[in-house]
Amino acid sequence: MRALQQNVTVAGRVARVRPRRTGGWRVRLTETGGALGAAEIRPWNPLPLPPRGARIILRGRVRYDDEHGWYVVDPLEGWQDADSR
């Protein structure tokens, strides 16, 4: 992965949440309005898992994932339900 070293705040809908083999969680996103495809919850920052189908606003550092061909928020610093704002 190449690092852009840029922090972002973006909204998206949670398509699925899966555990990672190395620990933590990958949150797959849709409806982000661009090429952002996922967010990584790292084991050292245990956040509550967002529910599938929820529209969320997330914050963190953006990186490009060469393997998947999308941008990922990694690590995810925090998220909140967009409908509760």
C-alpha atoms as a PDB file:
ATOM      1  CA  MET A   1       0.000   0.000   0.000  1.00  0.00           C
ATOM      2  CA  ARG A   2       1.175   3.499  -0.770  1.00  0.00           C
ATOM      3  CA  ALA A   3       0.576   6.049   1.965  1.00  0.00           C
ATOM      4  CA  LEU A   4      -0.893   9.440   1.103  1.00  0.00           C
ATOM      5  CA  GLN A   5      -0.541  10.709   4.671  1.00  0.00           C
ATOM      6  CA  GLN A   6      -3.801  12.618   4.407  1.00  0.00           C
ATOM      7  CA  ASN A   7      -6.594  12.583   6.976  1.00  0.00           C
ATOM      8  CA  VAL A   8     -10.158  12.456   5.676  1.00  0.00           C
ATOM      9  CA  THR A   9     -13.738  12.610   6.865  1.00  0.00           C
ATOM     10  CA  VAL A  10     -16.114  10.798   4.527  1.00  0.00           C
ATOM     11  CA  ALA A  11     -19.606   9.285   4.534  1.00  0.00           C
ATOM     12  CA  GLY A  12     -20.517   5.854   3.206  1.00  0.00           C
ATOM     13  CA  ARG A  13     -22.829   2.898   3.680  1.00  0.00           C
ATOM     14  CA  VAL A  14     -21.573  -0.273   5.387  1.00  0.00           C
ATOM     15  CA  ALA A  15     -21.767  -3.219   2.975  1.00  0.00           C
ATOM     16  CA  ARG A  16     -20.136  -5.760   5.321  1.00  0.00           C
ATOM     17  CA  VAL A  17     -17.808  -6.121   8.279  1.00  0.00           C
ATOM     18  CA  ARG A  18     -15.295  -8.960   8.369  1.00  0.00           C
ATOM     19  CA  PRO A  19     -12.560  -9.980  10.787  1.00  0.00           C
ATOM     20  CA  ARG A  20      -8.997  -9.763   9.469  1.00  0.00           C
ATOM     21  CA  ARG A  21      -6.603 -12.685   9.788  1.00  0.00           C
ATOM     22  CA  THR A  22      -4.084 -10.383  11.442  1.00  0.00           C
ATOM     23  CA  GLY A  23      -6.634  -9.061  13.950  1.00  0.00           C
ATOM     24  CA  GLY A  24      -8.980  -6.136  13.738  1.00  0.00           C
ATOM     25  CA  TRP A  25     -11.786  -5.670  11.239  1.00  0.00           C
ATOM     26  CA  ARG A  26     -12.322  -4.556   7.625  1.00  0.00           C
ATOM     27  CA  VAL A  27     -15.422  -2.475   6.979  1.00  0.00           C
ATOM     28  CA  ARG A  28     -16.414  -2.624   3.291  1.00  0.00           C
ATOM     29  CA  LEU A  29     -18.123   0.577   2.131  1.00  0.00           C
ATOM     30  CA  THR A  30     -20.407   1.658  -0.710  1.00  0.00           C
ATOM     31  CA  GLU A  31     -21.969   4.992  -1.648  1.00  0.00           C
ATOM     32  CA  THR A  32     -18.839   6.979  -0.739  1.00  0.00           C
ATOM     33  CA  GLY A  33     -19.038   9.150  -3.841  1.00  0.00           C
ATOM     34  CA  GLY A  34     -15.638   8.038  -5.098  1.00  0.00           C
ATOM     35  CA  ALA A  35     -12.995   5.332  -5.020  1.00  0.00           C
ATOM     36  CA  LEU A  36     -12.997   4.787  -1.242  1.00  0.00           C
ATOM     37  CA  GLY A  37     -13.787   1.109  -0.710  1.00  0.00           C
ATOM     38  CA  ALA A  38     -12.983   0.139   2.865  1.00  0.00           C
ATOM     39  CA  ALA A  39     -11.874   1.117   6.335  1.00  0.00           C
ATOM     40  CA  GLU A  40      -9.601  -0.811   8.681  1.00  0.00           C
ATOM     41  CA  ILE A  41     -10.278  -1.078  12.406  1.00  0.00           C
ATOM     42  CA  ARG A  42      -6.939  -1.992  13.965  1.00  0.00           C
ATOM     43  CA  PRO A  43      -6.668  -4.204  17.076  1.00  0.00           C
ATOM     44  CA  TRP A  44      -4.884  -1.426  19.001  1.00  0.00           C
ATOM     45  CA  ASN A  45      -7.888   0.899  18.487  1.00  0.00           C
ATOM     46  CA  PRO A  46     -10.911  -1.281  19.299  1.00  0.00           C
ATOM     47  CA  LEU A  47     -13.915   0.649  18.011  1.00  0.00           C
ATOM     48  CA  PRO A  48     -17.503  -0.613  18.101  1.00  0.00           C
ATOM     49  CA  LEU A  49     -18.408  -2.299  14.821  1.00  0.00           C
ATOM     50  CA  PRO A  50     -20.822  -0.392  12.595  1.00  0.00           C
ATOM     51  CA  PRO A  51     -23.963  -2.327  11.625  1.00  0.00           C
ATOM     52  CA  ARG A  52     -24.386  -3.569   8.074  1.00  0.00           C
ATOM     53  CA  GLY A  53     -26.487  -1.161   6.017  1.00  0.00           C
ATOM     54  CA  ALA A  54     -25.804   1.835   8.270  1.00  0.00           C
ATOM     55  CA  ARG A  55     -24.777   5.127   6.715  1.00  0.00           C
ATOM     56  CA  ILE A  56     -21.740   6.316   8.660  1.00  0.00           C
ATOM     57  CA  ILE A  57     -19.308   9.204   8.776  1.00  0.00           C
ATOM     58  CA  LEU A  58     -15.750   8.029   9.300  1.00  0.00           C
ATOM     59  CA  ARG A  59     -12.418   9.696  10.076  1.00  0.00           C
ATOM     60  CA  GLY A  60      -8.868   8.528   9.582  1.00  0.00           C
ATOM     61  CA  ARG A  61      -5.871   8.422   7.289  1.00  0.00           C
ATOM     62  CA  VAL A  62      -6.462   7.516   3.645  1.00  0.00           C
ATOM     63  CA  ARG A  63      -4.195   5.119   1.743  1.00  0.00           C
ATOM     64  CA  TYR A  64      -4.373   3.497  -1.672  1.00  0.00           C
ATOM     65  CA  ASP A  65      -4.656  -0.314  -1.611  1.00  0.00           C
ATOM     66  CA  ASP A  66      -2.828  -1.593  -4.717  1.00  0.00           C
ATOM     67  CA  GLU A  67      -4.070  -5.143  -4.154  1.00  0.00           C
ATOM     68  CA  HIS A  68      -7.776  -4.210  -4.293  1.00  0.00           C
ATOM     69  CA  GLY A  69      -7.575  -1.046  -6.418  1.00  0.00           C
ATOM     70  CA  TRP A  70      -9.401   1.221  -4.005  1.00  0.00           C
ATOM     71  CA  TYR A  71      -8.711   3.766  -1.299  1.00  0.00           C
ATOM     72  CA  VAL A  72      -8.974   2.684   2.299  1.00  0.00           C
ATOM     73  CA  VAL A  73      -9.192   4.615   5.568  1.00  0.00           C
ATOM     74  CA  ASP A  74      -6.397   2.928   7.498  1.00  0.00           C
ATOM     75  CA  PRO A  75      -6.379   3.198  10.400  1.00  0.00           C
ATOM     76  CA  LEU A  76      -9.953   4.188  11.115  1.00  0.00           C
ATOM     77  CA  GLU A  77      -9.807   6.706  13.961  1.00  0.00           C
ATOM     78  CA  GLY A  78     -13.540   6.854  14.602  1.00  0.00           C
ATOM     79  CA  TRP A  79     -17.007   6.711  13.086  1.00  0.00           C
ATOM     80  CA  GLN A  80     -20.544   7.859  13.871  1.00  0.00           C
ATOM     81  CA  ASP A  81     -23.997   7.136  12.509  1.00  0.00           C
ATOM     82  CA  ALA A  82     -24.761   9.719   9.794  1.00  0.00           C
ATOM     83  CA  ASP A  83     -28.499   9.530  10.491  1.00  0.00           C
ATOM     84  CA  SER A  84     -28.055  10.618  14.110  1.00  0.00           C
ATOM     85  CA  ARG A  85     -26.512  13.994  13.194  1.00  0.00           C
END
